[in-house]
Amino acid sequence: MNADADKAGPSVVAFKSLTPPVLVWLLIQLVAILIPTLGVSLSANFVQPPQAAALKEMIFAQMASAALLFPFLMRDGRAAIAVVLSCFPFLQFAGVMASTPLSRIAIASAFVSVWLITLALWRAALRPRWQMWGVAIASLLTLGGLVIWYLEVEFEGSHVTAFHGLIAAAWSQLDQPNFTSWIPLLVVFIAGCGAAKKIPFPDASRAKTM
């Protein structure tokens, strides 16, 4: 039996196809960039012109969709790298459309990329049965604070701040960058580094695409 195994040679590592997660990720970003490009206002009192909100809309789309879909988008190391790298051109294009200074675009892009890397680390660390709990927590960190802000606006007329979740913290980098708004993100990132044993990067010479 051992002799047969030796003759069979090294085991073949199966790569998962990059196409499904990358295609879904690109479609999400294309929709997000088309909304301001077409001049669509998302509410009756929406900022004018609508293109001025392009970067905030892109940040929202990227961070929220990644939180909801990270077990699928970040399903292996190659997919995670593709997702992170492909976010930058869309952020830059949205930033130019919104007439945002390049330095602010860079800071906001760094914030979004750290969030995506954090999700990739937690995807590698979490067992499949715990991944939906991860989605719930990631959604709470990104969207939960915005729900609270919406209720506050309805009843008290407050403004969104970095304390309204990670998306709001990313938005705050466009107006007044500060280290304090990075702290919650960095805590989750450091915890992910400790939890993740590894993100699989199989040997390409032995890999077989599924």
N, C-alpha and C. Protein backbone atom coordinates (compact mmCIF):
# COMPACT_ATOMS: atom_id res chain seq x y z
N MET A 1 0.83 -1.21 0.00
CA MET A 1 0.00 0.00 0.00
C MET A 1 0.86 1.26 0.00
N ASN A 2 1.88 1.27 0.85
CA ASN A 2 2.79 2.41 0.90
C ASN A 2 3.57 2.55 -0.40
N ALA A 3 3.90 1.41 -0.99
CA ALA A 3 4.65 1.44 -2.25
C ALA A 3 3.81 2.07 -3.35
N ASP A 4 2.49 1.69 -3.36
CA ASP A 4 1.60 2.28 -4.37
C ASP A 4 1.48 3.78 -4.18
N ALA A 5 1.42 4.21 -2.91
CA ALA A 5 1.30 5.64 -2.63
C ALA A 5 2.54 6.38 -3.08
N ASP A 6 3.73 5.73 -2.90
CA ASP A 6 4.96 6.39 -3.32
C ASP A 6 5.00 6.54 -4.83
N LYS A 7 4.48 5.49 -5.54
CA LYS A 7 4.51 5.54 -7.00
C LYS A 7 3.55 6.61 -7.54
N ALA A 8 2.50 6.86 -6.77
CA ALA A 8 1.51 7.82 -7.23
C ALA A 8 2.04 9.24 -7.28
N GLY A 9 3.13 9.48 -6.53
CA GLY A 9 3.74 10.81 -6.53
C GLY A 9 3.01 11.75 -5.61
N PRO A 10 3.42 13.03 -5.60
CA PRO A 10 2.82 14.02 -4.70
C PRO A 10 1.36 14.25 -5.03
N SER A 11 0.57 14.54 -4.00
CA SER A 11 -0.85 14.78 -4.20
C SER A 11 -1.06 16.09 -4.94
N VAL A 12 -2.14 16.15 -5.70
CA VAL A 12 -2.47 17.33 -6.47
C VAL A 12 -3.38 18.24 -5.64
N VAL A 13 -2.99 19.49 -5.51
CA VAL A 13 -3.79 20.46 -4.78
C VAL A 13 -4.78 21.11 -5.74
N ALA A 14 -6.02 21.15 -5.38
CA ALA A 14 -7.06 21.69 -6.27
C ALA A 14 -7.29 23.17 -5.97
N PHE A 15 -7.07 24.00 -6.98
CA PHE A 15 -7.40 25.41 -6.86
C PHE A 15 -8.89 25.58 -7.11
N LYS A 16 -9.54 26.44 -6.35
CA LYS A 16 -10.90 26.84 -6.68
C LYS A 16 -10.83 27.92 -7.74
N SER A 17 -11.79 27.92 -8.63
CA SER A 17 -11.79 28.89 -9.72
C SER A 17 -11.93 30.31 -9.18
N LEU A 18 -11.15 31.21 -9.75
CA LEU A 18 -11.21 32.62 -9.37
C LEU A 18 -12.42 33.33 -9.98
N THR A 19 -12.97 32.78 -11.05
CA THR A 19 -13.98 33.50 -11.82
C THR A 19 -15.22 33.88 -11.02
N PRO A 20 -15.87 32.96 -10.30
CA PRO A 20 -17.12 33.36 -9.61
C PRO A 20 -16.95 34.48 -8.61
N PRO A 21 -16.01 34.41 -7.64
CA PRO A 21 -15.91 35.51 -6.68
C PRO A 21 -15.46 36.82 -7.31
N VAL A 22 -14.51 36.77 -8.23
CA VAL A 22 -14.03 38.00 -8.86
C VAL A 22 -15.13 38.63 -9.72
N LEU A 23 -15.89 37.80 -10.44
CA LEU A 23 -16.97 38.33 -11.27
C LEU A 23 -18.03 39.01 -10.42
N VAL A 24 -18.44 38.37 -9.32
CA VAL A 24 -19.43 38.98 -8.42
C VAL A 24 -18.90 40.28 -7.84
N TRP A 25 -17.64 40.29 -7.42
CA TRP A 25 -17.03 41.48 -6.83
C TRP A 25 -16.96 42.62 -7.83
N LEU A 26 -16.59 42.33 -9.06
CA LEU A 26 -16.52 43.37 -10.09
C LEU A 26 -17.90 43.91 -10.43
N LEU A 27 -18.90 43.04 -10.48
CA LEU A 27 -20.26 43.48 -10.79
C LEU A 27 -20.79 44.43 -9.71
N ILE A 28 -20.51 44.10 -8.44
CA ILE A 28 -20.93 44.97 -7.34
C ILE A 28 -20.33 46.36 -7.50
N GLN A 29 -19.05 46.41 -7.82
CA GLN A 29 -18.37 47.69 -7.95
C GLN A 29 -18.83 48.45 -9.19
N LEU A 30 -19.11 47.73 -10.27
CA LEU A 30 -19.61 48.38 -11.48
C LEU A 30 -20.97 49.04 -11.24
N VAL A 31 -21.84 48.35 -10.51
CA VAL A 31 -23.14 48.92 -10.18
C VAL A 31 -22.95 50.17 -9.32
N ALA A 32 -22.03 50.07 -8.34
CA ALA A 32 -21.78 51.20 -7.44
C ALA A 32 -21.24 52.42 -8.19
N ILE A 33 -20.45 52.20 -9.23
CA ILE A 33 -19.90 53.33 -9.97
C ILE A 33 -20.88 53.86 -11.01
N LEU A 34 -21.79 53.00 -11.47
CA LEU A 34 -22.77 53.44 -12.45
C LEU A 34 -23.82 54.38 -11.86
N ILE A 35 -24.13 54.19 -10.57
CA ILE A 35 -25.17 55.02 -9.94
C ILE A 35 -24.82 56.50 -10.00
N PRO A 36 -23.63 56.91 -9.52
CA PRO A 36 -23.30 58.34 -9.64
C PRO A 36 -22.99 58.76 -11.08
N THR A 37 -22.44 57.85 -11.86
CA THR A 37 -22.13 58.19 -13.26
C THR A 37 -23.39 58.59 -14.02
N LEU A 38 -24.50 57.90 -13.73
CA LEU A 38 -25.77 58.20 -14.39
C LEU A 38 -26.53 59.33 -13.69
N GLY A 39 -25.95 59.87 -12.62
CA GLY A 39 -26.58 60.98 -11.93
C GLY A 39 -27.81 60.60 -11.13
N VAL A 40 -27.83 59.36 -10.62
CA VAL A 40 -28.99 58.88 -9.86
C VAL A 40 -28.92 59.40 -8.42
N SER A 41 -29.98 60.06 -7.98
CA SER A 41 -30.07 60.51 -6.59
C SER A 41 -30.75 59.42 -5.76
N LEU A 42 -30.16 59.07 -4.63
CA LEU A 42 -30.67 57.96 -3.83
C LEU A 42 -31.71 58.38 -2.81
N SER A 43 -32.00 59.66 -2.71
CA SER A 43 -33.05 60.14 -1.81
C SER A 43 -33.51 61.52 -2.27
N ALA A 44 -34.60 61.99 -1.67
CA ALA A 44 -35.15 63.29 -2.08
C ALA A 44 -34.20 64.43 -1.74
N ASN A 45 -33.46 64.28 -0.64
CA ASN A 45 -32.54 65.33 -0.21
C ASN A 45 -31.08 64.96 -0.47
N PHE A 46 -30.86 64.19 -1.52
CA PHE A 46 -29.53 63.70 -1.81
C PHE A 46 -28.61 64.83 -2.23
N VAL A 47 -27.31 64.66 -1.93
CA VAL A 47 -26.32 65.67 -2.27
C VAL A 47 -26.34 65.93 -3.77
N GLN A 48 -26.15 67.19 -4.15
CA GLN A 48 -26.12 67.58 -5.55
C GLN A 48 -24.79 68.21 -5.89
N PRO A 49 -24.20 67.87 -7.03
CA PRO A 49 -24.64 66.82 -7.94
C PRO A 49 -24.40 65.43 -7.34
N PRO A 50 -25.10 64.40 -7.81
CA PRO A 50 -24.96 63.06 -7.25
C PRO A 50 -23.53 62.52 -7.32
N GLN A 51 -22.75 63.01 -8.29
CA GLN A 51 -21.37 62.54 -8.44
C GLN A 51 -20.52 62.88 -7.23
N ALA A 52 -20.93 63.88 -6.46
CA ALA A 52 -20.16 64.28 -5.28
C ALA A 52 -20.11 63.19 -4.22
N ALA A 53 -21.08 62.28 -4.27
CA ALA A 53 -21.14 61.19 -3.29
C ALA A 53 -20.56 59.89 -3.84
N ALA A 54 -19.91 59.94 -5.00
CA ALA A 54 -19.46 58.72 -5.67
C ALA A 54 -18.51 57.90 -4.79
N LEU A 55 -17.56 58.56 -4.14
CA LEU A 55 -16.57 57.83 -3.34
C LEU A 55 -17.22 57.21 -2.10
N LYS A 56 -18.11 57.94 -1.46
CA LYS A 56 -18.80 57.38 -0.30
C LYS A 56 -19.66 56.19 -0.69
N GLU A 57 -20.30 56.27 -1.85
CA GLU A 57 -21.12 55.16 -2.32
C GLU A 57 -20.24 53.94 -2.62
N MET A 58 -19.08 54.17 -3.21
CA MET A 58 -18.18 53.05 -3.51
C MET A 58 -17.66 52.41 -2.22
N ILE A 59 -17.28 53.23 -1.25
CA ILE A 59 -16.81 52.70 0.04
C ILE A 59 -17.91 51.86 0.69
N PHE A 60 -19.14 52.38 0.66
CA PHE A 60 -20.26 51.63 1.23
C PHE A 60 -20.43 50.30 0.53
N ALA A 61 -20.45 50.32 -0.81
CA ALA A 61 -20.67 49.09 -1.58
C ALA A 61 -19.57 48.06 -1.30
N GLN A 62 -18.33 48.50 -1.28
CA GLN A 62 -17.23 47.56 -1.08
C GLN A 62 -17.22 46.97 0.33
N MET A 63 -17.35 47.83 1.35
CA MET A 63 -17.24 47.34 2.72
C MET A 63 -18.47 46.52 3.13
N ALA A 64 -19.65 46.96 2.72
CA ALA A 64 -20.86 46.24 3.10
C ALA A 64 -20.96 44.89 2.38
N SER A 65 -20.71 44.90 1.07
CA SER A 65 -20.82 43.64 0.32
C SER A 65 -19.74 42.65 0.75
N ALA A 66 -18.55 43.14 1.05
CA ALA A 66 -17.49 42.25 1.52
C ALA A 66 -17.87 41.63 2.86
N ALA A 67 -18.49 42.41 3.74
CA ALA A 67 -18.92 41.88 5.04
C ALA A 67 -19.95 40.78 4.86
N LEU A 68 -20.87 40.96 3.93
CA LEU A 68 -21.94 39.99 3.72
C LEU A 68 -21.49 38.75 2.95
N LEU A 69 -20.47 38.90 2.11
CA LEU A 69 -20.11 37.82 1.18
C LEU A 69 -18.70 37.28 1.39
N PHE A 70 -18.01 37.67 2.47
CA PHE A 70 -16.59 37.32 2.55
C PHE A 70 -16.29 35.82 2.56
N PRO A 71 -17.17 34.94 3.08
CA PRO A 71 -16.84 33.50 2.96
C PRO A 71 -16.75 33.04 1.51
N PHE A 72 -17.50 33.69 0.63
CA PHE A 72 -17.45 33.37 -0.80
C PHE A 72 -16.36 34.16 -1.52
N LEU A 73 -16.28 35.45 -1.26
CA LEU A 73 -15.29 36.29 -1.96
C LEU A 73 -13.86 35.94 -1.59
N MET A 74 -13.64 35.59 -0.32
CA MET A 74 -12.29 35.34 0.19
C MET A 74 -12.04 33.84 0.38
N ARG A 75 -12.54 33.01 -0.53
CA ARG A 75 -12.54 31.58 -0.26
C ARG A 75 -11.16 30.93 -0.33
N ASP A 76 -10.19 31.60 -0.90
CA ASP A 76 -8.81 31.15 -0.79
C ASP A 76 -7.88 32.36 -0.96
N GLY A 77 -6.59 32.13 -0.85
CA GLY A 77 -5.64 33.22 -0.89
C GLY A 77 -5.64 33.98 -2.20
N ARG A 78 -5.76 33.27 -3.30
CA ARG A 78 -5.74 33.94 -4.61
C ARG A 78 -6.96 34.84 -4.78
N ALA A 79 -8.12 34.35 -4.36
CA ALA A 79 -9.33 35.16 -4.46
C ALA A 79 -9.23 36.41 -3.58
N ALA A 80 -8.66 36.23 -2.38
CA ALA A 80 -8.51 37.37 -1.48
C ALA A 80 -7.61 38.44 -2.09
N ILE A 81 -6.51 38.03 -2.69
CA ILE A 81 -5.59 38.98 -3.31
C ILE A 81 -6.29 39.71 -4.46
N ALA A 82 -7.05 38.96 -5.29
CA ALA A 82 -7.75 39.57 -6.42
C ALA A 82 -8.78 40.59 -5.95
N VAL A 83 -9.51 40.26 -4.88
CA VAL A 83 -10.52 41.17 -4.35
C VAL A 83 -9.88 42.45 -3.83
N VAL A 84 -8.80 42.31 -3.06
CA VAL A 84 -8.15 43.49 -2.49
C VAL A 84 -7.58 44.38 -3.58
N LEU A 85 -6.86 43.79 -4.51
CA LEU A 85 -6.21 44.60 -5.54
C LEU A 85 -7.21 45.28 -6.48
N SER A 86 -8.32 44.61 -6.74
CA SER A 86 -9.28 45.19 -7.70
C SER A 86 -10.13 46.30 -7.09
N CYS A 87 -10.04 46.50 -5.78
CA CYS A 87 -10.84 47.59 -5.18
C CYS A 87 -10.24 48.96 -5.47
N PHE A 88 -8.92 49.04 -5.67
CA PHE A 88 -8.25 50.34 -5.80
C PHE A 88 -8.65 51.14 -7.04
N PRO A 89 -8.71 50.53 -8.23
CA PRO A 89 -9.10 51.34 -9.40
C PRO A 89 -10.49 51.95 -9.27
N PHE A 90 -11.41 51.21 -8.68
CA PHE A 90 -12.77 51.73 -8.51
C PHE A 90 -12.80 52.86 -7.49
N LEU A 91 -12.04 52.73 -6.42
CA LEU A 91 -11.98 53.80 -5.44
C LEU A 91 -11.38 55.07 -6.04
N GLN A 92 -10.32 54.90 -6.84
CA GLN A 92 -9.69 56.07 -7.44
C GLN A 92 -10.62 56.74 -8.44
N PHE A 93 -11.29 55.94 -9.25
CA PHE A 93 -12.21 56.51 -10.23
C PHE A 93 -13.35 57.24 -9.54
N ALA A 94 -13.90 56.64 -8.49
CA ALA A 94 -14.98 57.29 -7.74
C ALA A 94 -14.49 58.55 -7.06
N GLY A 95 -13.25 58.51 -6.55
CA GLY A 95 -12.69 59.70 -5.91
C GLY A 95 -12.50 60.85 -6.87
N VAL A 96 -12.04 60.54 -8.07
CA VAL A 96 -11.88 61.60 -9.09
C VAL A 96 -13.24 62.17 -9.47
N MET A 97 -14.24 61.30 -9.60
CA MET A 97 -15.59 61.76 -9.94
C MET A 97 -16.14 62.69 -8.86
N ALA A 98 -15.79 62.39 -7.60
CA ALA A 98 -16.28 63.19 -6.49
C ALA A 98 -15.39 64.39 -6.19
N SER A 99 -14.34 64.60 -7.01
CA SER A 99 -13.39 65.71 -6.81
C SER A 99 -12.76 65.68 -5.43
N THR A 100 -12.40 64.47 -4.99
CA THR A 100 -11.76 64.28 -3.68
C THR A 100 -10.25 64.41 -3.83
N PRO A 101 -9.57 65.11 -2.93
CA PRO A 101 -8.11 65.21 -3.00
C PRO A 101 -7.46 63.82 -2.99
N LEU A 102 -6.38 63.68 -3.73
CA LEU A 102 -5.71 62.38 -3.87
C LEU A 102 -5.28 61.82 -2.52
N SER A 103 -4.84 62.69 -1.61
CA SER A 103 -4.39 62.21 -0.30
C SER A 103 -5.54 61.58 0.47
N ARG A 104 -6.74 62.14 0.35
CA ARG A 104 -7.90 61.59 1.05
C ARG A 104 -8.34 60.27 0.40
N ILE A 105 -8.23 60.21 -0.92
CA ILE A 105 -8.53 58.95 -1.61
C ILE A 105 -7.60 57.85 -1.13
N ALA A 106 -6.32 58.19 -0.99
CA ALA A 106 -5.33 57.20 -0.56
C ALA A 106 -5.62 56.70 0.85
N ILE A 107 -5.99 57.61 1.75
CA ILE A 107 -6.27 57.21 3.14
C ILE A 107 -7.51 56.33 3.20
N ALA A 108 -8.57 56.73 2.48
CA ALA A 108 -9.79 55.93 2.46
C ALA A 108 -9.54 54.57 1.82
N SER A 109 -8.72 54.53 0.77
CA SER A 109 -8.39 53.26 0.12
C SER A 109 -7.63 52.34 1.07
N ALA A 110 -6.73 52.91 1.86
CA ALA A 110 -6.01 52.12 2.85
C ALA A 110 -6.97 51.53 3.87
N PHE A 111 -7.94 52.32 4.30
CA PHE A 111 -8.92 51.85 5.28
C PHE A 111 -9.71 50.68 4.72
N VAL A 112 -10.21 50.84 3.49
CA VAL A 112 -11.00 49.77 2.87
C VAL A 112 -10.16 48.51 2.68
N SER A 113 -8.91 48.67 2.24
CA SER A 113 -8.07 47.50 2.00
C SER A 113 -7.74 46.76 3.29
N VAL A 114 -7.53 47.49 4.38
CA VAL A 114 -7.30 46.83 5.67
C VAL A 114 -8.53 46.03 6.09
N TRP A 115 -9.72 46.58 5.84
CA TRP A 115 -10.95 45.85 6.14
C TRP A 115 -11.04 44.57 5.31
N LEU A 116 -10.72 44.65 4.03
CA LEU A 116 -10.78 43.47 3.18
C LEU A 116 -9.76 42.42 3.62
N ILE A 117 -8.56 42.85 3.96
CA ILE A 117 -7.54 41.91 4.44
C ILE A 117 -7.98 41.28 5.76
N THR A 118 -8.61 42.08 6.62
CA THR A 118 -9.13 41.56 7.88
C THR A 118 -10.15 40.45 7.64
N LEU A 119 -11.06 40.67 6.70
CA LEU A 119 -12.05 39.65 6.37
C LEU A 119 -11.39 38.39 5.81
N ALA A 120 -10.34 38.57 5.00
CA ALA A 120 -9.62 37.41 4.46
C ALA A 120 -8.98 36.60 5.59
N LEU A 121 -8.42 37.28 6.57
CA LEU A 121 -7.81 36.59 7.71
C LEU A 121 -8.86 35.80 8.49
N TRP A 122 -10.00 36.42 8.73
CA TRP A 122 -11.05 35.72 9.48
C TRP A 122 -11.66 34.59 8.66
N ARG A 123 -11.70 34.75 7.34
CA ARG A 123 -12.19 33.65 6.48
C ARG A 123 -11.26 32.44 6.60
N ALA A 124 -9.97 32.69 6.69
CA ALA A 124 -9.02 31.59 6.84
C ALA A 124 -9.10 30.97 8.23
N ALA A 125 -9.45 31.77 9.22
CA ALA A 125 -9.44 31.29 10.61
C ALA A 125 -10.72 30.55 10.99
N LEU A 126 -11.85 30.96 10.43
CA LEU A 126 -13.13 30.41 10.87
C LEU A 126 -13.45 29.08 10.20
N ARG A 127 -13.91 28.14 10.98
CA ARG A 127 -14.43 26.89 10.43
C ARG A 127 -15.73 27.17 9.70
N PRO A 128 -16.10 26.33 8.72
CA PRO A 128 -17.32 26.60 7.94
C PRO A 128 -18.56 26.85 8.78
N ARG A 129 -18.73 26.11 9.86
CA ARG A 129 -19.95 26.28 10.66
C ARG A 129 -19.99 27.61 11.40
N TRP A 130 -18.84 28.28 11.54
CA TRP A 130 -18.76 29.56 12.23
C TRP A 130 -18.75 30.75 11.28
N GLN A 131 -18.68 30.50 9.98
CA GLN A 131 -18.54 31.59 9.03
C GLN A 131 -19.77 32.50 8.97
N MET A 132 -20.97 31.92 9.15
CA MET A 132 -22.17 32.75 9.15
C MET A 132 -22.22 33.65 10.38
N TRP A 133 -21.64 33.18 11.49
CA TRP A 133 -21.50 34.06 12.65
C TRP A 133 -20.54 35.20 12.33
N GLY A 134 -19.50 34.87 11.57
CA GLY A 134 -18.57 35.91 11.14
C GLY A 134 -19.25 36.95 10.26
N VAL A 135 -20.13 36.49 9.36
CA VAL A 135 -20.88 37.41 8.50
C VAL A 135 -21.76 38.32 9.35
N ALA A 136 -22.41 37.74 10.35
CA ALA A 136 -23.29 38.52 11.22
C ALA A 136 -22.51 39.61 11.96
N ILE A 137 -21.34 39.24 12.49
CA ILE A 137 -20.54 40.21 13.24
C ILE A 137 -19.98 41.28 12.31
N ALA A 138 -19.48 40.86 11.12
CA ALA A 138 -18.95 41.83 10.16
C ALA A 138 -20.04 42.80 9.70
N SER A 139 -21.25 42.28 9.51
CA SER A 139 -22.36 43.14 9.11
C SER A 139 -22.72 44.12 10.22
N LEU A 140 -22.65 43.64 11.45
CA LEU A 140 -22.94 44.53 12.58
C LEU A 140 -21.91 45.65 12.67
N LEU A 141 -20.64 45.32 12.43
CA LEU A 141 -19.58 46.32 12.50
C LEU A 141 -19.69 47.37 11.40
N THR A 142 -20.19 46.97 10.25
CA THR A 142 -20.26 47.90 9.13
C THR A 142 -21.62 48.60 9.03
N LEU A 143 -22.70 47.82 9.12
CA LEU A 143 -24.03 48.35 8.87
C LEU A 143 -24.81 48.70 10.13
N GLY A 144 -24.47 48.04 11.24
CA GLY A 144 -25.23 48.27 12.47
C GLY A 144 -25.22 49.71 12.92
N GLY A 145 -24.05 50.34 12.88
CA GLY A 145 -23.95 51.73 13.30
C GLY A 145 -24.71 52.67 12.39
N LEU A 146 -24.78 52.34 11.08
CA LEU A 146 -25.51 53.21 10.16
C LEU A 146 -27.02 53.13 10.40
N VAL A 147 -27.50 51.97 10.83
CA VAL A 147 -28.91 51.84 11.18
C VAL A 147 -29.23 52.74 12.38
N ILE A 148 -28.33 52.71 13.37
CA ILE A 148 -28.52 53.57 14.55
C ILE A 148 -28.50 55.05 14.13
N TRP A 149 -27.56 55.40 13.25
CA TRP A 149 -27.48 56.78 12.77
C TRP A 149 -28.77 57.18 12.05
N TYR A 150 -29.31 56.29 11.23
CA TYR A 150 -30.55 56.59 10.51
C TYR A 150 -31.69 56.88 11.49
N LEU A 151 -31.78 56.06 12.54
CA LEU A 151 -32.82 56.28 13.54
C LEU A 151 -32.61 57.61 14.27
N GLU A 152 -31.33 57.92 14.54
CA GLU A 152 -31.03 59.19 15.20
C GLU A 152 -31.42 60.38 14.32
N VAL A 153 -31.18 60.25 13.02
CA VAL A 153 -31.54 61.32 12.08
C VAL A 153 -33.05 61.52 12.07
N GLU A 154 -33.79 60.40 12.08
CA GLU A 154 -35.24 60.48 12.03
C GLU A 154 -35.81 61.18 13.27
N PHE A 155 -35.19 60.92 14.42
CA PHE A 155 -35.79 61.40 15.66
C PHE A 155 -35.05 62.60 16.27
N GLU A 156 -33.74 62.72 15.96
CA GLU A 156 -32.97 63.77 16.61
C GLU A 156 -32.22 64.67 15.63
N GLY A 157 -32.10 64.24 14.38
CA GLY A 157 -31.41 65.04 13.39
C GLY A 157 -29.91 65.08 13.56
N SER A 158 -29.28 63.98 14.01
CA SER A 158 -27.83 63.96 14.23
C SER A 158 -27.08 63.71 12.93
N HIS A 159 -25.76 63.92 12.97
CA HIS A 159 -24.91 63.69 11.81
C HIS A 159 -24.12 62.40 12.01
N VAL A 160 -23.78 61.76 10.88
CA VAL A 160 -23.00 60.53 10.96
C VAL A 160 -21.59 60.84 11.44
N THR A 161 -21.06 59.98 12.30
CA THR A 161 -19.71 60.14 12.83
C THR A 161 -18.98 58.80 12.74
N ALA A 162 -17.69 58.81 13.06
CA ALA A 162 -16.89 57.59 13.02
C ALA A 162 -17.37 56.56 14.03
N PHE A 163 -18.17 56.98 15.01
CA PHE A 163 -18.68 56.05 16.01
C PHE A 163 -19.89 55.27 15.53
N HIS A 164 -20.32 55.53 14.29
CA HIS A 164 -21.47 54.82 13.73
C HIS A 164 -21.03 53.63 12.89
N GLY A 165 -19.92 53.02 13.21
CA GLY A 165 -19.48 51.81 12.51
C GLY A 165 -18.31 52.04 11.59
N LEU A 166 -17.83 50.96 11.00
CA LEU A 166 -16.61 51.02 10.19
C LEU A 166 -16.81 51.77 8.88
N ILE A 167 -17.99 51.66 8.28
CA ILE A 167 -18.22 52.42 7.05
C ILE A 167 -18.20 53.91 7.35
N ALA A 168 -18.84 54.30 8.43
CA ALA A 168 -18.82 55.71 8.82
C ALA A 168 -17.41 56.16 9.15
N ALA A 169 -16.61 55.27 9.76
CA ALA A 169 -15.21 55.61 10.05
C ALA A 169 -14.42 55.81 8.76
N ALA A 170 -14.71 54.99 7.75
CA ALA A 170 -14.05 55.16 6.45
C ALA A 170 -14.47 56.48 5.82
N TRP A 171 -15.75 56.82 5.90
CA TRP A 171 -16.21 58.10 5.36
C TRP A 171 -15.52 59.27 6.05
N SER A 172 -15.29 59.12 7.34
CA SER A 172 -14.67 60.23 8.09
C SER A 172 -13.26 60.54 7.60
N GLN A 173 -12.61 59.57 6.95
CA GLN A 173 -11.27 59.81 6.42
C GLN A 173 -11.29 60.81 5.26
N LEU A 174 -12.45 60.97 4.66
CA LEU A 174 -12.58 61.90 3.54
C LEU A 174 -12.72 63.34 4.02
N ASP A 175 -13.19 63.51 5.25
CA ASP A 175 -13.42 64.85 5.78
C ASP A 175 -12.31 65.27 6.75
N GLN A 176 -12.08 64.45 7.74
CA GLN A 176 -11.09 64.79 8.76
C GLN A 176 -10.37 63.52 9.21
N PRO A 177 -9.33 63.09 8.49
CA PRO A 177 -8.62 61.86 8.87
C PRO A 177 -8.07 61.96 10.30
N ASN A 178 -8.26 60.90 11.07
CA ASN A 178 -7.71 60.86 12.42
C ASN A 178 -7.49 59.42 12.83
N PHE A 179 -6.53 59.20 13.71
CA PHE A 179 -6.15 57.86 14.11
C PHE A 179 -7.23 57.18 14.93
N THR A 180 -7.98 57.95 15.71
CA THR A 180 -8.98 57.37 16.60
C THR A 180 -10.00 56.53 15.84
N SER A 181 -10.41 56.99 14.67
CA SER A 181 -11.41 56.25 13.90
C SER A 181 -10.87 54.94 13.34
N TRP A 182 -9.53 54.77 13.36
CA TRP A 182 -8.92 53.51 12.90
C TRP A 182 -8.90 52.45 13.99
N ILE A 183 -9.04 52.82 15.24
CA ILE A 183 -8.82 51.88 16.34
C ILE A 183 -9.72 50.64 16.26
N PRO A 184 -11.05 50.77 16.07
CA PRO A 184 -11.88 49.56 16.00
C PRO A 184 -11.44 48.62 14.87
N LEU A 185 -11.11 49.19 13.71
CA LEU A 185 -10.67 48.37 12.59
C LEU A 185 -9.37 47.65 12.92
N LEU A 186 -8.42 48.35 13.51
CA LEU A 186 -7.14 47.75 13.82
C LEU A 186 -7.27 46.66 14.89
N VAL A 187 -8.21 46.82 15.82
CA VAL A 187 -8.45 45.79 16.83
C VAL A 187 -8.92 44.49 16.17
N VAL A 188 -9.88 44.63 15.24
CA VAL A 188 -10.40 43.45 14.54
C VAL A 188 -9.32 42.84 13.65
N PHE A 189 -8.50 43.70 13.03
CA PHE A 189 -7.41 43.22 12.18
C PHE A 189 -6.39 42.42 12.98
N ILE A 190 -5.96 42.96 14.12
CA ILE A 190 -4.97 42.28 14.95
C ILE A 190 -5.52 40.96 15.48
N ALA A 191 -6.81 40.97 15.86
CA ALA A 191 -7.43 39.73 16.31
C ALA A 191 -7.46 38.70 15.18
N GLY A 192 -7.71 39.16 13.95
CA GLY A 192 -7.71 38.26 12.80
C GLY A 192 -6.33 37.68 12.54
N CYS A 193 -5.29 38.50 12.69
CA CYS A 193 -3.92 38.01 12.52
C CYS A 193 -3.62 36.90 13.52
N GLY A 194 -4.11 37.07 14.76
CA GLY A 194 -3.87 36.05 15.77
C GLY A 194 -4.68 34.79 15.54
N ALA A 195 -5.88 34.94 14.98
CA ALA A 195 -6.76 33.79 14.80
C ALA A 195 -6.42 32.96 13.56
N ALA A 196 -5.96 33.64 12.53
CA ALA A 196 -5.70 32.94 11.26
C ALA A 196 -4.39 32.17 11.32
N LYS A 197 -4.45 30.89 11.12
CA LYS A 197 -3.23 30.10 11.09
C LYS A 197 -2.51 30.31 9.76
N LYS A 198 -3.26 30.28 8.68
CA LYS A 198 -2.66 30.55 7.37
C LYS A 198 -3.76 30.72 6.34
N ILE A 199 -3.44 31.46 5.27
CA ILE A 199 -4.28 31.52 4.09
C ILE A 199 -3.60 30.64 3.05
N PRO A 200 -4.31 29.63 2.51
CA PRO A 200 -3.66 28.66 1.64
C PRO A 200 -3.16 29.26 0.34
N PHE A 201 -1.92 29.03 0.07
CA PHE A 201 -1.32 29.39 -1.22
C PHE A 201 -0.68 28.13 -1.79
N PRO A 202 -1.46 27.26 -2.44
CA PRO A 202 -0.92 26.00 -2.95
C PRO A 202 0.16 26.23 -3.99
N ASP A 203 1.03 25.23 -4.12
CA ASP A 203 2.08 25.27 -5.13
C ASP A 203 1.45 25.21 -6.51
N ALA A 204 1.65 26.25 -7.29
CA ALA A 204 1.01 26.33 -8.60
C ALA A 204 1.42 25.17 -9.51
N SER A 205 2.63 24.62 -9.33
CA SER A 205 3.10 23.54 -10.17
C SER A 205 2.35 22.25 -9.91
N ARG A 206 1.69 22.14 -8.76
CA ARG A 206 0.95 20.94 -8.44
C ARG A 206 -0.55 21.20 -8.43
N ALA A 207 -0.94 22.40 -8.80
CA ALA A 207 -2.33 22.77 -8.65
C ALA A 207 -3.16 22.35 -9.86
N LYS A 208 -4.43 22.11 -9.56
CA LYS A 208 -5.39 21.75 -10.60
C LYS A 208 -6.61 22.64 -10.41
N THR A 209 -6.94 23.46 -11.40
CA THR A 209 -8.07 24.35 -11.28
C THR A 209 -9.38 23.59 -11.37
N MET A 210 -10.30 23.92 -10.41
CA MET A 210 -11.60 23.27 -10.40
C MET A 210 -12.57 24.03 -11.29
